[in-house]
Protein backbone atom coordinates (compact mmCIF):
# COMPACT_ATOMS: atom_id res chain seq x y z
CA UNK A 1 -38.18 -19.98 23.81
CA UNK A 2 -34.66 -18.52 24.40
CA UNK A 3 -32.29 -20.25 22.02
CA UNK A 4 -29.46 -20.06 24.49
CA UNK A 5 -31.50 -22.14 27.00
CA UNK A 6 -32.34 -24.67 24.45
CA UNK A 7 -28.64 -24.96 23.44
CA UNK A 8 -27.69 -25.27 27.17
CA UNK A 9 -30.38 -27.97 27.67
CA UNK A 10 -29.22 -29.92 24.71
CA UNK A 11 -25.46 -29.66 25.68
CA UNK A 12 -26.39 -30.68 29.39
CA UNK A 13 -28.25 -33.69 28.02
CA UNK A 14 -25.42 -34.91 25.85
CA UNK A 15 -22.67 -34.37 28.68
CA UNK A 16 -24.78 -35.73 31.56
CA UNK A 17 -27.28 -38.21 29.99
CA UNK A 18 -27.77 -40.30 33.15
CA UNK A 19 -28.65 -37.15 35.16
CA UNK A 20 -30.92 -36.07 32.48
CA UNK A 21 -32.74 -39.26 32.36
CA UNK A 22 -33.06 -39.33 36.15
CA UNK A 23 -34.58 -35.82 36.04
CA UNK A 24 -36.86 -36.86 33.17
CA UNK A 25 -37.79 -40.18 34.85
CA UNK A 26 -38.97 -38.19 37.96
CA UNK A 27 -40.97 -35.62 35.98
CA UNK A 28 -42.63 -38.23 33.72
CA UNK A 29 -43.30 -40.41 36.81
CA UNK A 30 -45.58 -37.63 37.94
CA UNK A 31 -47.99 -38.78 35.31
CA UNK A 32 -47.99 -42.22 37.02
CA UNK A 33 -48.33 -40.71 40.56
CA UNK A 34 -51.18 -38.63 39.63
CA UNK A 35 -52.92 -41.55 37.93
CA UNK A 36 -52.25 -43.60 41.20
CA UNK A 37 -53.59 -40.89 43.45
CA UNK A 38 -56.70 -40.24 41.19
CA UNK A 39 -57.53 -43.90 40.96
CA UNK A 40 -56.90 -44.53 44.67
CA UNK A 41 -59.05 -41.53 45.81
CA UNK A 42 -61.94 -42.33 43.40
CA UNK A 43 -62.13 -45.89 44.60
CA UNK A 44 -61.38 -45.67 48.25
CA UNK A 45 -63.14 -42.54 49.07
CA UNK A 46 -66.18 -42.74 46.49
CA UNK A 47 -66.90 -45.95 44.99
CA UNK A 48 -65.84 -48.64 47.52
CA UNK A 49 -66.79 -46.90 50.75
CA UNK A 50 -69.02 -49.89 51.80
CA UNK A 51 -66.11 -52.29 51.74
CA UNK A 52 -64.16 -50.39 54.48
CA UNK A 53 -65.96 -52.46 57.18
CA UNK A 54 -64.64 -55.75 55.77
CA UNK A 55 -61.16 -56.79 57.06
CA UNK A 56 -58.78 -58.78 54.87
CA UNK A 57 -56.04 -60.65 56.61
CA UNK A 58 -54.12 -63.22 54.61
CA UNK A 59 -50.48 -63.92 53.95
CA UNK A 60 -48.93 -60.45 53.36
CA UNK A 61 -52.26 -58.87 53.42
CA UNK A 62 -53.26 -57.12 56.59
CA UNK A 63 -56.08 -54.73 55.89
CA UNK A 64 -57.96 -54.33 59.14
CA UNK A 65 -61.02 -52.16 59.32
CA UNK A 66 -58.69 -49.59 60.92
CA UNK A 67 -56.37 -49.75 58.01
CA UNK A 68 -59.29 -49.30 55.39
CA UNK A 69 -60.40 -52.87 54.86
CA UNK A 70 -61.27 -54.40 51.61
CA UNK A 71 -61.75 -50.95 50.10
CA UNK A 72 -58.12 -50.06 50.72
CA UNK A 73 -56.78 -53.26 49.55
CA UNK A 74 -58.66 -53.03 46.15
CA UNK A 75 -58.01 -49.34 45.81
CA UNK A 76 -54.35 -49.89 46.30
CA UNK A 77 -54.17 -52.73 43.89
CA UNK A 78 -56.16 -50.98 41.16
CA UNK A 79 -54.30 -47.74 41.60
CA UNK A 80 -50.94 -49.28 41.34
CA UNK A 81 -51.82 -51.38 38.26
CA UNK A 82 -53.19 -48.28 36.33
CA UNK A 83 -50.14 -46.23 37.41
CA UNK A 84 -47.59 -48.82 36.26
CA UNK A 85 -49.39 -49.25 32.75
CA UNK A 86 -49.15 -45.45 32.27
CA UNK A 87 -45.46 -45.47 33.63
CA UNK A 88 -44.25 -48.23 31.35
CA UNK A 89 -45.33 -46.45 28.08
CA UNK A 90 -44.31 -43.08 29.22
CA UNK A 91 -40.76 -44.09 30.43
CA UNK A 92 -40.03 -46.62 27.75
CA UNK A 93 -40.28 -43.79 25.00
CA UNK A 94 -40.08 -40.51 26.97
CA UNK A 95 -37.08 -41.12 29.24
CA UNK A 96 -35.21 -44.05 27.82
CA UNK A 97 -36.07 -44.08 24.18
CA UNK A 98 -35.94 -47.75 24.38
CA UNK A 99 -35.76 -49.77 21.03
CA UNK A 100 -35.27 -53.23 22.48
CA UNK A 101 -38.04 -55.82 22.12
CA UNK A 102 -41.22 -54.39 23.64
CA UNK A 103 -42.62 -57.83 24.65
CA UNK A 104 -39.42 -58.76 26.51
CA UNK A 105 -39.33 -55.28 28.11
CA UNK A 106 -42.97 -55.71 29.06
CA UNK A 107 -42.48 -59.19 30.58
CA UNK A 108 -39.53 -57.98 32.71
CA UNK A 109 -41.31 -54.87 33.67
CA UNK A 110 -44.44 -56.96 34.75
CA UNK A 111 -42.13 -59.22 36.94
CA UNK A 112 -40.63 -56.12 38.44
CA UNK A 113 -43.92 -54.55 39.36
CA UNK A 114 -45.34 -57.74 40.78
CA UNK A 115 -42.36 -58.04 43.14
CA UNK A 116 -42.77 -54.21 43.98
CA UNK A 117 -46.43 -54.87 44.31
CA UNK A 118 -46.13 -57.73 46.90
CA UNK A 119 -43.83 -55.43 49.03
CA UNK A 120 -46.06 -52.51 48.83
CA UNK A 121 -49.21 -54.55 49.61
CA UNK A 122 -47.46 -55.58 52.91
CA UNK A 123 -45.96 -52.04 53.39
CA UNK A 124 -49.22 -50.13 52.68
CA UNK A 125 -51.02 -51.83 55.48
CA UNK A 126 -48.18 -51.16 57.86
CA UNK A 127 -48.09 -47.52 56.75
CA UNK A 128 -51.90 -47.20 57.06
CA UNK A 129 -51.69 -48.59 60.52
CA UNK A 130 -49.07 -45.99 61.48
CA UNK A 131 -50.50 -43.02 59.59
CA UNK A 132 -54.23 -43.22 59.97
CA UNK A 133 -54.22 -42.58 63.81
CA UNK A 134 -52.03 -39.65 63.33
CA UNK A 135 -53.06 -37.96 60.07
CA UNK A 136 -56.60 -39.29 59.60
CA UNK A 137 -58.08 -41.36 56.88
CA UNK A 138 -57.59 -39.02 53.99
CA UNK A 139 -54.05 -37.73 54.46
CA UNK A 140 -52.94 -41.04 56.00
CA UNK A 141 -53.94 -42.68 52.77
CA UNK A 142 -52.32 -40.02 50.58
CA UNK A 143 -49.04 -40.13 52.54
CA UNK A 144 -49.06 -44.05 52.24
CA UNK A 145 -49.53 -43.64 48.47
CA UNK A 146 -46.57 -41.06 48.33
CA UNK A 147 -44.29 -43.35 50.45
CA UNK A 148 -44.99 -46.33 48.01
CA UNK A 149 -44.30 -44.14 45.04
CA UNK A 150 -40.90 -42.95 46.47
CA UNK A 151 -39.94 -46.71 47.20
CA UNK A 152 -40.99 -47.67 43.65
CA UNK A 153 -38.90 -44.90 42.12
CA UNK A 154 -35.78 -46.03 44.00
CA UNK A 155 -36.22 -49.51 42.69
CA UNK A 156 -37.55 -48.80 39.11
CA UNK A 157 -35.13 -46.18 37.88
CA UNK A 158 -31.90 -48.31 37.86
CA UNK A 159 -33.93 -51.45 36.83
CA UNK A 160 -35.40 -49.62 33.94
CA UNK A 161 -32.20 -47.97 32.85
CA UNK A 162 -29.91 -50.80 33.03
CA UNK A 163 -32.12 -53.88 32.58
CA UNK A 164 -35.59 -53.40 31.10
CA UNK A 165 -35.59 -50.41 28.90
CA UNK A 166 -32.20 -50.58 27.35
CA UNK A 167 -31.52 -48.80 24.18
CA UNK A 168 -29.74 -51.23 21.68
CA UNK A 169 -26.94 -49.74 19.71
CA UNK A 170 -27.75 -49.90 16.08
CA UNK A 171 -25.16 -51.32 13.67
CA UNK A 172 -24.15 -49.03 10.83
CA UNK A 173 -23.93 -50.90 7.57
CA UNK A 174 -21.80 -49.91 4.84
CA UNK A 175 -23.53 -48.86 1.77
CA UNK A 176 -23.73 -51.65 -0.81
């Protein structure tokens, strides 16, 4: 690789750490997004097809047959969980180089994704209701997943950077 480019990247990272982290966060989030799309597609379009005819309407859940039914609900939840597990570990070390307590980070991350999940469960059904008649089952489902990934990104980056995946400043000790 060109050493000038490497030096430029290192210099940019040092001068603009927050911008660098946001770019890296987005690039590494692709791992989670690809996991999400793969799990959702495998479950919703292959493994759980018989469950599409079972409506689920309870509290925030409104997965009618037209919105994909029980198959869409299970696919959405499983895809989200798998993607968030991938995202936690990739972002913790890859983007933020967090050195705070992993258990505390994991607990805070879990609380954040549960809140986002409840929002997305409600939002997914609404989006599917709007997208399916226009784009069809496959593209409507994919667009719904991408809209949810975008909403999640907008919430997760600042929460991870400033609250969950902080990097503690290590104290320098004088030699004894």
